[in-house]
Amino acid sequence: VAATEESIKFASEAASLAFENLVAATNAPTAESRRAMCRAAHLAGKAINITKTTAPHALSYAFTSLYGVPHGIAVAFTLAPMLAFNATVTEENCADQRGAAA
């Protein structure tokens, strides 16, 4: 909801870097793929710093604090269900004044 042009730029670049380098950084890491993933994490953090936390991040704190699940893994637990839920958002049921196009 608090997205800005700057946060969208950071998030888009982070997503591109992650999508382009995640498999290599996981399966056959190189210095380049690791740097790219670090840059992706940094840019994602900058985007979140502007927009504040997202629902998967907020929900994940319970997994981390109650069960000791590392934060990133806890976010992964909640991300897919949240994406599935948000995929059904329409202008009629979106509280954000920008509507479903946001």
Protein backbone atom coordinates (compact mmCIF):
# COMPACT_ATOMS: atom_id res chain seq x y z
CA VAL A 1 0.00 0.00 0.00
CA ALA A 2 2.88 2.37 0.72
CA ALA A 3 4.68 1.63 -2.54
CA THR A 4 6.50 4.48 -4.22
CA GLU A 5 8.24 4.73 -7.57
CA GLU A 6 11.53 4.25 -5.73
CA SER A 7 10.37 1.17 -3.81
CA ILE A 8 8.94 -0.37 -6.97
CA LYS A 9 12.27 0.22 -8.74
CA PHE A 10 14.19 -1.45 -5.89
CA ALA A 11 11.75 -4.37 -5.69
CA SER A 12 11.71 -4.93 -9.44
CA GLU A 13 15.49 -4.98 -9.68
CA ALA A 14 15.68 -7.29 -6.67
CA ALA A 15 13.19 -9.71 -8.20
CA SER A 16 15.00 -9.72 -11.54
CA LEU A 17 18.36 -10.40 -9.92
CA ALA A 18 16.92 -13.15 -7.74
CA PHE A 19 15.09 -14.87 -10.60
CA GLU A 20 18.19 -14.71 -12.78
CA ASN A 21 20.60 -16.02 -10.13
CA LEU A 22 18.76 -18.14 -7.57
CA VAL A 23 19.23 -21.50 -9.27
CA ALA A 24 22.93 -20.92 -9.91
CA ALA A 25 23.52 -19.51 -6.44
CA THR A 26 21.81 -22.55 -4.94
CA ASN A 27 23.01 -25.41 -7.15
CA ALA A 28 26.41 -24.27 -8.43
CA PRO A 29 27.33 -21.07 -6.61
CA THR A 30 29.85 -18.71 -8.09
CA ALA A 31 31.13 -15.44 -6.73
CA GLU A 32 29.01 -13.66 -9.34
CA SER A 33 25.76 -15.47 -8.49
CA ARG A 34 26.34 -14.93 -4.77
CA ARG A 35 27.02 -11.23 -5.30
CA ALA A 36 23.85 -10.96 -7.36
CA MET A 37 21.80 -12.63 -4.61
CA CYS A 38 23.34 -10.35 -1.99
CA ARG A 39 22.47 -7.36 -4.16
CA ALA A 40 18.92 -8.70 -4.59
CA ALA A 41 18.53 -9.06 -0.83
CA HIS A 42 19.90 -5.56 -0.29
CA LEU A 43 17.53 -4.02 -2.82
CA ALA A 44 14.57 -5.95 -1.44
CA GLY A 45 15.44 -4.64 2.00
CA LYS A 46 15.55 -1.09 0.66
CA ALA A 47 12.10 -1.56 -0.87
CA ILE A 48 10.70 -2.96 2.37
CA ASN A 49 12.27 -0.11 4.32
CA ILE A 50 10.21 2.33 2.25
CA THR A 51 6.95 0.39 2.13
CA LYS A 52 7.28 -1.19 5.56
CA THR A 53 6.67 -4.87 6.12
CA THR A 54 4.38 -7.07 4.08
CA ALA A 55 1.82 -9.55 5.35
CA PRO A 56 4.08 -12.62 4.88
CA HIS A 57 6.82 -10.88 6.85
CA ALA A 58 4.43 -9.83 9.59
CA LEU A 59 2.91 -13.31 9.88
CA SER A 60 6.32 -14.96 9.90
CA TYR A 61 7.36 -13.35 13.17
CA ALA A 62 5.14 -15.79 15.06
CA PHE A 63 6.91 -18.78 13.48
CA THR A 64 10.26 -17.25 14.37
CA SER A 65 9.50 -16.20 17.93
CA LEU A 66 7.35 -19.16 18.96
CA TYR A 67 9.08 -21.99 17.10
CA GLY A 68 12.57 -20.71 16.32
CA VAL A 69 12.06 -20.95 12.56
CA PRO A 70 14.57 -18.70 10.77
CA HIS A 71 12.86 -15.57 9.48
CA GLY A 72 13.48 -16.21 5.78
CA ILE A 73 12.08 -19.73 6.01
CA ALA A 74 9.11 -18.48 8.01
CA VAL A 75 8.39 -15.93 5.28
CA ALA A 76 8.51 -18.73 2.71
CA PHE A 77 5.85 -20.62 4.71
CA THR A 78 3.44 -17.71 4.44
CA LEU A 79 4.28 -16.28 1.01
CA ALA A 80 2.52 -18.80 -1.25
CA PRO A 81 -0.80 -18.73 0.64
CA MET A 82 -0.69 -14.93 0.72
CA LEU A 83 0.01 -14.74 -3.02
CA ALA A 84 -2.86 -17.14 -3.71
CA PHE A 85 -5.19 -15.06 -1.55
CA ASN A 86 -4.16 -11.78 -3.16
CA ALA A 87 -4.50 -13.21 -6.66
CA THR A 88 -8.27 -13.06 -6.20
CA VAL A 89 -8.38 -9.38 -5.20
CA THR A 90 -10.66 -7.25 -7.35
CA GLU A 91 -11.40 -3.54 -7.35
CA GLU A 92 -14.63 -4.27 -5.48
CA ASN A 93 -12.93 -5.93 -2.52
CA CYS A 94 -9.69 -3.97 -2.40
CA ALA A 95 -9.43 -1.49 0.46
CA ASP A 96 -6.50 0.29 -1.20
CA GLN A 97 -7.92 3.34 -2.93
CA ARG A 98 -5.71 2.60 -5.95
CA GLY A 99 -7.72 -0.59 -6.48
CA ALA A 100 -6.63 -3.94 -7.82
CA ALA A 101 -4.37 -2.29 -10.40
CA ALA A 102 -1.95 -1.20 -7.67
